[in-house]
Amino acid sequence: RNSVVKWSWQREDVTQPLPSLIRSGLYSGYNDATDMKWMRGGKSVAAVYSALVVVINHTPDQPSTDKKITFALNRANDVLHNAHTIEPLPGDRLAVGTTGQRPWDGILVYNMSEALPLVDEPPVLQRIEGLRAIHALIWDEQGQMLWATGTDAAADGSDPVPAYGVIQGYPFDAETGLLSVDEAYRFRFPEYYDIDVEWGHGYSWWAGPHDLVPVPNERVLLVSNDIGLHAFDIDQMKFTAEYDEVVEKYMPGFEVTTNDRHGVTRQGEYMELPQSDLKGFSLAPDGSFIYTQSLWRLYRGNYTSLVVDGVRHQIMKGNEIYRSRWFGDIDGWPKPKT
């Protein structure tokens, strides 16, 4: 919480031999890091880094194994090139959101067992279609379900209809290790939104979700999008709060990070969007939270906001940051142990 870096990983840390396609993905021009998840009780980290999805050892007390890649997937292809969300599942499986705009986009599931060798193209165990532009995944241990957030149509405006934000749950079958699609767990945002306020009149994209975050010790998910924040109550199976209501109840002390988040809607109305573009945020049980808000009309922020006792602090200043998360289990929302 004081900007001191305790552990990091980058391509220069890799000394092990890699399959050719994995190595080319590591050193590709993607040169980005868009997600990271704590897993296996803190002994591993899953991440989207450069053109790879990777699982890396986090064993700082054991230098011989620390930072070793145990699973890797090259995403420089037509299906995964924009993928930037991942989540561990039970049975040493890893879910990857394709983050695409086509009807067949959705989630791919892989076996990430440490016992398996690295290969150029790990086989897909399961492919789930029908949710576009997935930007966040979260495992629900209590409900035995994977939650995802994306859109019901193409977020880039290439479909003839507006795109609504969606939260969807995929029940997990422990016997088969498979997720299932059940429309009873598909929940569409109350409205669709254009994003002309930020990007200018006639911009084709629709507002899409950015992050999906559990409230510690509650059956509540918070979701951010290009406009603001929403709360979804799992027990009630409905959206229960939005915008300032969410801030007042779950994130007191939230402040906008730039003073230029305003513009004119497609209908010609002036609007301010102080909660727009929270690319990543994370709540702790003690009420503190962190968030990264992208700069206006850009895709990343240049620091992380840390709120403690309702007071916001700036940390990691000067970095180009896409997402920020607590490094650990969230109370009531543990990651799978295996």
Protein backbone atom coordinates (compact mmCIF):
# COMPACT_ATOMS: atom_id res chain seq x y z
CA ARG A 1 0.00 0.00 0.00
CA ASN A 2 3.03 2.28 -0.09
CA SER A 3 4.14 1.78 -3.71
CA VAL A 4 7.02 -0.48 -2.67
CA VAL A 5 7.42 -3.22 -5.28
CA LYS A 6 7.78 -6.58 -3.50
CA TRP A 7 7.70 -8.83 -6.56
CA SER A 8 7.54 -8.33 -10.30
CA TRP A 9 7.79 -10.34 -13.48
CA GLN A 10 8.74 -9.39 -17.03
CA ARG A 11 10.15 -11.09 -20.09
CA GLU A 12 13.71 -10.47 -18.94
CA ASP A 13 13.05 -12.83 -16.02
CA VAL A 14 12.50 -15.79 -18.34
CA THR A 15 15.50 -18.11 -18.57
CA GLN A 16 13.80 -21.44 -19.27
CA PRO A 17 13.54 -22.93 -22.78
CA LEU A 18 10.20 -22.21 -24.46
CA PRO A 19 8.34 -23.67 -27.44
CA SER A 20 8.85 -21.45 -30.50
CA LEU A 21 5.29 -20.07 -30.62
CA ILE A 22 5.38 -19.25 -26.91
CA ARG A 23 8.73 -17.54 -27.22
CA SER A 24 7.56 -15.44 -30.17
CA GLY A 25 4.50 -14.40 -28.16
CA LEU A 26 6.63 -13.38 -25.21
CA TYR A 27 8.75 -11.08 -27.37
CA SER A 28 5.94 -9.86 -29.62
CA GLY A 29 5.05 -6.27 -30.36
CA TYR A 30 1.94 -6.50 -28.20
CA ASN A 31 4.12 -5.32 -25.32
CA ASP A 32 1.26 -4.98 -22.84
CA ALA A 33 -0.08 -6.39 -19.57
CA THR A 34 -3.85 -6.25 -19.18
CA ASP A 35 -4.78 -8.69 -16.41
CA MET A 36 -3.31 -10.57 -13.47
CA LYS A 37 -4.90 -12.99 -10.99
CA TRP A 38 -3.59 -14.35 -7.68
CA MET A 39 -4.14 -18.12 -7.51
CA ARG A 40 -3.13 -21.45 -5.93
CA GLY A 41 -2.97 -19.87 -2.51
CA GLY A 42 -0.51 -17.27 -3.74
CA LYS A 43 1.96 -19.76 -5.22
CA SER A 44 1.05 -18.83 -8.80
CA VAL A 45 0.01 -15.84 -10.85
CA ALA A 46 -2.05 -15.94 -14.03
CA ALA A 47 -1.59 -13.01 -16.38
CA VAL A 48 -2.14 -11.62 -19.84
CA TYR A 49 1.29 -10.38 -20.86
CA SER A 50 2.50 -9.38 -24.32
CA ALA A 51 0.89 -11.84 -26.77
CA LEU A 52 0.65 -14.55 -24.11
CA VAL A 53 -1.66 -15.88 -21.47
CA VAL A 54 0.70 -17.23 -18.82
CA VAL A 55 0.72 -18.91 -15.43
CA ILE A 56 3.87 -18.12 -13.47
CA ASN A 57 5.27 -19.43 -10.20
CA HIS A 58 5.16 -16.94 -7.34
CA THR A 59 7.64 -18.50 -4.92
CA PRO A 60 9.95 -15.66 -3.86
CA ASP A 61 11.30 -17.80 -1.00
CA GLN A 62 12.36 -20.47 -3.51
CA PRO A 63 14.41 -18.71 -6.20
CA SER A 64 14.94 -21.94 -8.14
CA THR A 65 11.24 -22.13 -9.03
CA ASP A 66 10.20 -18.48 -8.71
CA LYS A 67 8.98 -16.78 -11.92
CA LYS A 68 9.01 -19.99 -13.93
CA ILE A 69 6.27 -20.25 -16.58
CA THR A 70 4.14 -23.36 -15.99
CA PHE A 71 1.45 -22.69 -18.62
CA ALA A 72 1.47 -20.50 -21.70
CA LEU A 73 -0.81 -19.74 -24.61
CA ASN A 74 -0.07 -17.52 -27.60
CA ARG A 75 -3.04 -15.24 -28.29
CA ALA A 76 -1.74 -13.77 -31.55
CA ASN A 77 -4.52 -15.33 -33.62
CA ASP A 78 -7.98 -14.50 -34.90
CA VAL A 79 -9.74 -15.85 -31.81
CA LEU A 80 -7.66 -14.55 -28.90
CA HIS A 81 -5.81 -11.50 -30.19
CA ASN A 82 -7.82 -9.09 -28.00
CA ALA A 83 -8.24 -11.38 -24.99
CA HIS A 84 -7.54 -9.56 -21.76
CA THR A 85 -9.28 -11.39 -18.96
CA ILE A 86 -8.58 -14.72 -17.26
CA GLU A 87 -9.77 -16.65 -14.20
CA PRO A 88 -8.74 -19.94 -12.55
CA LEU A 89 -11.36 -22.68 -12.26
CA PRO A 90 -11.40 -25.84 -10.13
CA GLY A 91 -9.46 -28.81 -11.44
CA ASP A 92 -6.44 -26.78 -12.57
CA ARG A 93 -8.41 -25.18 -15.37
CA LEU A 94 -8.08 -21.66 -16.70
CA ALA A 95 -10.88 -19.65 -18.31
CA VAL A 96 -9.90 -17.07 -20.94
CA GLY A 97 -12.35 -14.49 -22.27
CA THR A 98 -11.87 -13.92 -26.00
CA THR A 99 -13.00 -10.26 -25.79
CA GLY A 100 -14.20 -10.29 -29.41
CA GLN A 101 -17.18 -8.85 -31.28
CA ARG A 102 -18.54 -11.90 -33.11
CA PRO A 103 -21.45 -14.21 -32.18
CA TRP A 104 -19.02 -17.08 -31.60
CA ASP A 105 -16.86 -15.13 -29.15
CA GLY A 106 -16.98 -16.08 -25.49
CA ILE A 107 -14.82 -18.19 -23.18
CA LEU A 108 -12.14 -20.83 -23.80
CA VAL A 109 -11.10 -23.23 -21.03
CA TYR A 110 -7.66 -24.86 -20.79
CA ASN A 111 -5.87 -27.37 -18.58
CA MET A 112 -3.12 -25.42 -16.80
CA SER A 113 -1.77 -28.31 -14.72
CA GLU A 114 1.87 -27.86 -13.72
CA ALA A 115 2.39 -31.53 -14.61
CA LEU A 116 1.90 -30.80 -18.31
CA PRO A 117 4.77 -29.61 -20.51
CA LEU A 118 4.66 -26.27 -22.28
CA VAL A 119 3.48 -26.67 -25.87
CA ASP A 120 2.91 -24.30 -28.77
CA GLU A 121 -0.85 -24.79 -28.83
CA PRO A 122 -2.49 -26.15 -25.66
CA PRO A 123 -5.74 -27.97 -26.47
CA VAL A 124 -9.05 -26.26 -25.70
CA LEU A 125 -11.05 -28.27 -23.16
CA GLN A 126 -14.25 -26.28 -23.62
CA ARG A 127 -15.47 -23.45 -25.80
CA ILE A 128 -18.47 -21.34 -24.79
CA GLU A 129 -19.94 -18.93 -27.32
CA GLY A 130 -22.45 -16.11 -27.18
CA LEU A 131 -21.04 -13.35 -24.97
CA ARG A 132 -19.20 -10.58 -26.82
CA ALA A 133 -16.49 -8.23 -25.58
CA ILE A 134 -15.86 -10.09 -22.31
CA HIS A 135 -13.69 -7.88 -20.14
CA ALA A 136 -13.83 -9.60 -16.75
CA LEU A 137 -14.27 -13.04 -15.17
CA ILE A 138 -14.68 -14.00 -11.51
CA TRP A 139 -14.99 -17.43 -9.87
CA ASP A 140 -17.83 -17.82 -7.35
CA GLU A 141 -16.87 -20.59 -4.92
CA GLN A 142 -20.12 -20.45 -2.95
CA GLY A 143 -22.29 -20.59 -6.05
CA GLN A 144 -19.93 -22.91 -7.96
CA MET A 145 -20.20 -20.63 -10.94
CA LEU A 146 -18.05 -18.54 -13.24
CA TRP A 147 -19.36 -15.00 -13.69
CA ALA A 148 -18.48 -12.99 -16.79
CA THR A 149 -19.34 -9.54 -18.03
CA GLY A 150 -19.52 -8.47 -21.67
CA THR A 151 -22.14 -7.35 -24.18
CA ASP A 152 -25.05 -9.03 -25.95
CA ALA A 153 -24.18 -7.56 -29.36
CA ALA A 154 -21.03 -6.19 -30.96
CA ALA A 155 -19.70 -3.41 -28.73
CA ASP A 156 -17.91 -1.83 -31.70
CA GLY A 157 -21.22 -0.99 -33.40
CA SER A 158 -20.84 -3.47 -36.24
CA ASP A 159 -24.23 -5.05 -35.47
CA PRO A 160 -27.46 -3.29 -36.55
CA VAL A 161 -28.66 -3.09 -32.92
CA PRO A 162 -27.30 -1.38 -29.80
CA ALA A 163 -25.14 -3.44 -27.45
CA TYR A 164 -26.28 -3.85 -23.86
CA GLY A 165 -23.88 -4.70 -21.07
CA VAL A 166 -24.43 -8.20 -19.68
CA ILE A 167 -23.50 -10.15 -16.56
CA GLN A 168 -23.71 -13.89 -17.10
CA GLY A 169 -23.17 -16.83 -14.78
CA TYR A 170 -21.96 -20.22 -16.00
CA PRO A 171 -22.69 -23.08 -13.55
CA PHE A 172 -19.75 -25.44 -12.98
CA ASP A 173 -20.17 -29.22 -12.87
CA ALA A 174 -17.55 -30.64 -10.53
CA GLU A 175 -17.95 -34.17 -11.93
CA THR A 176 -17.32 -33.26 -15.56
CA GLY A 177 -15.24 -30.14 -14.98
CA LEU A 178 -17.40 -28.30 -17.52
CA LEU A 179 -19.27 -25.02 -17.45
CA SER A 180 -22.85 -24.86 -18.71
CA VAL A 181 -24.86 -22.10 -20.36
CA ASP A 182 -28.13 -21.28 -18.62
CA GLU A 183 -30.13 -18.26 -19.79
CA ALA A 184 -31.57 -17.98 -16.27
CA TYR A 185 -28.19 -16.53 -15.27
CA ARG A 186 -27.98 -13.93 -18.04
CA PHE A 187 -28.71 -10.40 -16.83
CA ARG A 188 -28.75 -7.43 -19.14
CA PHE A 189 -28.04 -3.90 -17.98
CA PRO A 190 -31.20 -1.76 -17.68
CA GLU A 191 -30.09 0.51 -20.54
CA TYR A 192 -27.64 0.71 -23.41
CA TYR A 193 -25.38 3.73 -23.73
CA ASP A 194 -23.43 5.36 -26.52
CA ILE A 195 -20.06 6.82 -25.58
CA ASP A 196 -20.11 9.97 -27.68
CA VAL A 197 -19.59 12.04 -24.51
CA GLU A 198 -16.03 10.80 -24.35
CA TRP A 199 -15.14 9.96 -27.94
CA GLY A 200 -17.11 12.49 -29.98
CA HIS A 201 -20.31 12.63 -32.00
CA GLY A 202 -20.94 9.62 -34.21
CA TYR A 203 -18.50 7.29 -32.45
CA SER A 204 -19.65 3.78 -33.32
CA TRP A 205 -18.94 1.96 -30.05
CA TRP A 206 -21.44 1.25 -27.29
CA ALA A 207 -20.62 1.35 -23.59
CA GLY A 208 -19.25 -1.97 -22.44
CA PRO A 209 -18.25 -3.36 -19.03
CA HIS A 210 -14.65 -3.11 -17.86
CA ASP A 211 -14.33 -4.97 -14.55
CA LEU A 212 -16.41 -7.31 -12.39
CA VAL A 213 -15.54 -7.17 -8.71
CA PRO A 214 -16.93 -8.99 -5.65
CA VAL A 215 -17.85 -7.19 -2.46
CA PRO A 216 -16.03 -8.97 0.39
CA ASN A 217 -18.26 -11.28 2.43
CA GLU A 218 -21.34 -10.32 0.42
CA ARG A 219 -23.20 -11.91 -2.48
CA VAL A 220 -22.79 -8.74 -4.50
CA LEU A 221 -20.82 -7.97 -7.65
CA LEU A 222 -19.85 -4.48 -8.75
CA VAL A 223 -19.31 -3.79 -12.42
CA SER A 224 -17.77 -0.75 -14.08
CA ASN A 225 -18.33 0.38 -17.64
CA ASP A 226 -17.65 3.37 -19.87
CA ILE A 227 -20.32 5.35 -18.01
CA GLY A 228 -20.13 4.40 -14.33
CA LEU A 229 -20.70 1.78 -11.64
CA HIS A 230 -23.49 -0.76 -11.11
CA ALA A 231 -24.20 -3.24 -8.30
CA PHE A 232 -25.66 -6.68 -8.89
CA ASP A 233 -27.13 -8.73 -6.04
CA ILE A 234 -26.68 -12.46 -6.71
CA ASP A 235 -29.27 -13.61 -4.18
CA GLN A 236 -31.89 -11.24 -5.61
CA MET A 237 -30.65 -11.89 -9.14
CA LYS A 238 -30.97 -8.26 -10.17
CA PHE A 239 -29.18 -4.93 -10.40
CA THR A 240 -29.78 -3.03 -7.16
CA ALA A 241 -27.80 0.22 -7.40
CA GLU A 242 -26.00 2.43 -9.89
CA TYR A 243 -23.61 5.38 -10.05
CA ASP A 244 -23.58 7.52 -6.88
CA GLU A 245 -25.59 4.89 -4.99
CA VAL A 246 -22.78 2.40 -5.55
CA VAL A 247 -20.12 4.86 -4.41
CA GLU A 248 -22.03 5.82 -1.27
CA LYS A 249 -22.67 2.21 -0.23
CA TYR A 250 -19.56 0.36 -1.35
CA MET A 251 -16.81 2.85 -2.26
CA PRO A 252 -16.98 5.93 0.01
CA GLY A 253 -14.01 8.13 -0.72
CA PHE A 254 -14.02 7.49 -4.46
CA GLU A 255 -12.94 10.58 -6.37
CA VAL A 256 -12.67 11.29 -10.06
CA THR A 257 -9.02 11.33 -11.12
CA THR A 258 -9.20 13.94 -13.89
CA ASN A 259 -11.34 17.07 -14.30
CA ASP A 260 -12.08 16.67 -18.02
CA ARG A 261 -14.59 13.80 -17.93
CA HIS A 262 -17.50 15.58 -19.59
CA GLY A 263 -18.98 16.18 -23.03
CA VAL A 264 -22.13 16.11 -25.13
CA THR A 265 -24.32 13.05 -25.70
CA ARG A 266 -25.59 11.87 -29.07
CA GLN A 267 -28.82 13.67 -28.19
CA GLY A 268 -27.01 16.96 -27.61
CA GLU A 269 -27.13 16.96 -23.81
CA TYR A 270 -24.16 17.98 -21.65
CA MET A 271 -23.07 15.19 -19.29
CA GLU A 272 -20.36 14.62 -16.71
CA LEU A 273 -19.00 11.09 -16.21
CA PRO A 274 -16.89 11.06 -13.03
CA GLN A 275 -17.04 7.25 -12.70
CA SER A 276 -16.29 6.45 -16.33
CA ASP A 277 -13.58 4.04 -17.45
CA LEU A 278 -12.67 2.29 -14.21
CA LYS A 279 -10.54 -0.29 -15.98
CA GLY A 280 -9.79 -2.14 -12.77
CA PHE A 281 -10.76 -1.86 -9.11
CA SER A 282 -10.69 -4.07 -6.03
CA LEU A 283 -12.31 -3.95 -2.58
CA ALA A 284 -10.75 -5.17 0.67
CA PRO A 285 -12.64 -6.45 3.74
CA ASP A 286 -11.51 -3.48 5.86
CA GLY A 287 -13.31 -1.06 3.53
CA SER A 288 -10.23 0.14 1.70
CA PHE A 289 -10.14 -0.16 -2.06
CA ILE A 290 -7.98 0.55 -5.08
CA TYR A 291 -8.88 1.59 -8.61
CA THR A 292 -7.37 2.63 -11.91
CA GLN A 293 -9.30 5.12 -14.02
CA SER A 294 -8.02 5.64 -17.53
CA LEU A 295 -7.14 9.10 -18.70
CA TRP A 296 -9.94 10.74 -20.69
CA ARG A 297 -9.96 9.49 -24.28
CA LEU A 298 -7.12 7.09 -23.50
CA TYR A 299 -7.08 3.43 -22.46
CA ARG A 300 -4.91 3.50 -19.33
CA GLY A 301 -4.29 5.56 -16.24
CA ASN A 302 -0.96 6.88 -15.00
CA TYR A 303 -1.33 5.92 -11.34
CA THR A 304 -3.43 3.82 -8.96
CA SER A 305 -5.81 5.35 -6.42
CA LEU A 306 -5.80 3.82 -2.94
CA VAL A 307 -8.64 4.78 -0.60
CA VAL A 308 -8.19 4.12 3.13
CA ASP A 309 -10.69 5.37 5.72
CA GLY A 310 -12.40 7.39 3.02
CA VAL A 311 -9.23 9.25 2.00
CA ARG A 312 -7.73 8.80 -1.46
CA HIS A 313 -4.00 8.48 -2.04
CA GLN A 314 -2.06 8.21 -5.29
CA ILE A 315 0.37 5.30 -5.60
CA MET A 316 2.49 3.89 -8.42
CA LYS A 317 2.56 7.33 -10.00
CA GLY A 318 4.14 7.73 -13.40
CA ASN A 319 3.35 4.23 -14.59
CA GLU A 320 1.03 3.36 -17.45
CA ILE A 321 -1.53 1.17 -15.68
CA TYR A 322 -4.49 -0.74 -17.05
CA ARG A 323 -5.74 -2.59 -13.96
CA SER A 324 -5.09 -2.71 -10.23
CA ARG A 325 -6.04 -5.56 -7.89
CA TRP A 326 -5.35 -6.72 -4.35
CA PHE A 327 -2.85 -9.57 -4.38
CA GLY A 328 -4.69 -12.19 -2.35
CA ASP A 329 -7.99 -13.94 -1.78
CA ILE A 330 -11.02 -11.73 -1.19
CA ASP A 331 -12.99 -12.79 1.88
CA GLY A 332 -16.04 -14.76 0.78
CA TRP A 333 -14.67 -15.13 -2.76
CA PRO A 334 -11.72 -17.54 -2.60
CA LYS A 335 -9.98 -18.74 -5.71
CA PRO A 336 -9.97 -22.51 -6.35
CA LYS A 337 -7.19 -24.27 -4.46
CA THR A 338 -6.51 -26.66 -7.37
